[in-house]
Every structure is written in structure tokens, then in C-alpha cells.
Protein backbone atom coordinates (compact mmCIF):
# COMPACT_ATOMS: atom_id res chain seq x y z
CA MET A 1 143.73 80.17 110.82
CA ASP A 2 141.95 77.87 111.36
CA GLY A 3 140.97 74.67 109.34
CA GLY A 4 137.56 75.75 107.94
CA ASN A 5 139.15 78.96 107.13
CA GLU A 6 142.42 76.89 105.28
CA GLN A 7 139.54 75.15 102.91
CA ARG A 8 138.35 77.95 102.12
CA VAL A 9 141.07 79.73 100.95
CA ASP A 10 142.08 76.35 99.12
CA ILE A 11 138.69 76.48 97.43
CA LYS A 12 138.63 80.21 96.77
CA ILE A 13 142.36 79.06 94.71
CA CYS A 14 140.44 76.43 92.98
CA PHE A 15 137.89 78.88 91.65
CA LYS A 16 140.14 81.67 90.62
CA ALA A 17 142.05 78.61 88.70
CA GLY A 18 139.24 77.64 86.75
CA LEU A 19 138.38 74.55 88.30
CA SER A 20 134.91 73.49 88.85
CA ALA A 21 133.41 72.78 91.77
CA THR A 22 133.19 69.12 91.17
CA GLU A 23 137.07 69.07 90.65
CA THR A 24 137.63 71.32 93.37
CA LEU A 25 135.98 69.03 95.73
CA VAL A 26 137.61 66.27 94.53
CA LEU A 27 140.27 67.98 95.63
CA VAL A 28 139.51 69.18 98.89
CA GLN A 29 138.25 65.20 99.85
CA LYS A 30 142.00 63.96 99.06
CA ALA A 31 143.88 67.25 100.49
CA TYR A 32 142.50 66.69 103.85
CA GLY A 33 139.95 63.58 104.00
CA ASN A 34 138.03 63.00 106.57
CA GLU A 35 138.33 66.57 107.42
CA ALA A 36 137.12 68.13 104.29
CA LEU A 37 133.64 70.29 104.07
CA ASN A 38 131.15 68.09 102.89
CA ARG A 39 129.86 68.70 99.35
CA SER A 40 127.13 71.30 100.21
CA ASN A 41 128.88 73.33 101.93
CA LEU A 42 131.93 73.42 99.53
CA PHE A 43 129.59 73.86 96.92
CA GLY A 44 127.74 76.88 98.60
CA TRP A 45 131.26 78.69 99.60
CA TYR A 46 131.97 78.17 95.73
CA SER A 47 128.75 79.85 94.80
CA ARG A 48 129.90 82.64 96.98
CA PHE A 49 132.88 82.92 95.23
CA ARG A 50 131.34 83.04 91.84
CA ASP A 51 128.96 85.44 93.00
CA GLY A 52 131.54 88.00 93.90
CA ARG A 53 133.14 87.28 97.11
CA GLU A 54 136.39 87.68 98.46
CA LEU A 55 136.34 87.04 101.95
CA VAL A 56 136.60 83.53 103.61
CA GLU A 57 135.33 84.18 107.06
CA ASP A 58 132.15 83.53 108.51
CA ASP A 59 129.26 86.41 107.93
CA GLU A 60 128.74 87.88 111.46
CA ARG A 61 125.75 86.60 113.31
CA GLY A 62 123.48 88.61 115.86
CA ASP A 63 123.96 89.15 119.10
CA ARG A 64 121.71 86.39 120.31
CA PRO A 65 122.18 84.27 123.42
CA LYS A 66 124.48 80.71 122.63
CA SER A 67 122.42 79.60 124.80
CA THR A 68 119.49 79.98 127.42
CA ARG A 69 121.03 77.26 129.96
CA THR A 70 123.04 79.60 131.80
CA GLU A 71 124.44 78.98 135.62
CA VAL A 72 121.72 81.10 136.62
CA ASN A 73 118.79 80.00 134.75
CA ILE A 74 119.77 76.31 136.34
CA ALA A 75 119.90 77.86 139.72
CA ALA A 76 116.73 79.14 138.99
CA VAL A 77 115.26 76.20 137.72
CA GLY A 78 116.55 74.15 140.95
CA TYR A 79 114.98 76.80 143.45
CA LEU A 80 111.29 76.57 141.11
CA VAL A 81 111.99 72.83 141.61
CA LYS A 82 112.85 73.10 145.33
CA ASN A 83 109.76 74.75 146.41
CA ASP A 84 107.41 73.34 144.26
CA ARG A 85 108.30 69.77 143.65
CA ARG A 86 104.84 69.62 140.52
CA ILE A 87 105.76 72.99 139.14
CA ALA A 88 105.00 72.50 134.73
CA THR A 89 107.71 73.52 132.56
CA ARG A 90 105.46 75.79 130.83
CA MET A 91 105.39 77.69 134.35
CA ILE A 92 109.22 77.54 134.64
CA ALA A 93 109.04 79.22 131.09
CA GLU A 94 107.48 81.70 132.06
CA TYR A 95 108.93 82.64 135.04
CA LEU A 96 112.71 82.60 133.30
CA ASN A 97 110.97 84.62 130.34
CA ILE A 98 112.54 81.29 127.71
CA HIS A 99 110.56 79.31 125.26
CA LYS A 100 108.59 76.22 127.10
CA THR A 101 110.93 73.95 124.33
CA VAL A 102 114.00 75.03 125.84
CA VAL A 103 112.94 73.92 128.66
CA LEU A 104 111.86 70.99 128.03
CA ARG A 105 114.97 70.02 125.79
CA GLY A 106 117.46 71.54 128.39
CA PHE A 107 115.95 70.18 131.61
CA GLY A 108 113.96 66.87 130.37
CA LYS A 109 110.11 66.43 129.79
CA GLY A 110 106.81 67.09 132.12
CA LYS A 111 106.53 66.90 136.05
CA VAL A 112 108.82 63.50 136.40
CA VAL A 113 111.59 64.59 135.18
CA CYS A 114 111.42 67.93 136.87
CA LYS A 115 111.28 66.30 140.33
CA SER A 116 114.57 64.39 138.74
CA CYS A 117 116.02 68.02 137.83
CA SER A 118 115.85 68.87 141.48
CA THR A 119 117.95 66.20 142.70
CA LEU A 120 120.31 67.05 139.95
CA LEU A 121 120.14 70.58 139.98
CA VAL A 122 119.88 71.24 143.90
CA THR A 123 122.21 69.10 145.46
């Protein structure tokens, strides 16, 4: 059991013991110090237990990829920039079928950084 689940179990115990969310927050902060859940997360879990939730594990998430910055995409960006150093991020995004902001955030901004991308990715 990781630290997050352990704290959730403690929150659930405090809830079942009849402590308020604020009292639970104080106890969890004393027990875990800097590693304690923040106030909003603790109150969120307290609310879930009050609504009848029994599980302390996170809900399942969608099957979306965690990142579009994969080795394949990095290699593709390197290839595109190597062949056309003036290629726009919009064109890279269209070719790789990803959003252009992902290209901007993942590989830099604009044509100037694409030139530096080629030296970083193709070397």
C-alpha cells in the first residue's frame, strides 16, 4: 500500500470514528508531516466517504495515452526538421496527428526552436 492509500485509510477510519474533516486534517498532518495530503484532497476524500464510498483506491482512468511525446514522435519530429528546417509546428502537428500545443510545449516554440530541435533530436 503506498502512502496515498495509507492516508486514505486513515481518513476513512477518522470518518467512521465520527471525527470532523478539520479534526482529521490536523491528525493526518501530525502523522505524516510534509507528506500529508493537502486540505482540498483530504476534504474531497472525506466527502466521498460521507457519500458512501468504501474503496480507498483511485478511480480507473480512461485509456488515453499518458504522453504523446514518444520515441516514435521524437524521431518523426527529428526527421521532419532535418528535411525541412523551416517547417512550422502546425505542419508537424498535422503530420503526427497531435495538437499543435503539444508540439509547442514538448519541443519548443516556433521555427527558431525547431532548428535547435534538429540538433537535439537528430545528432
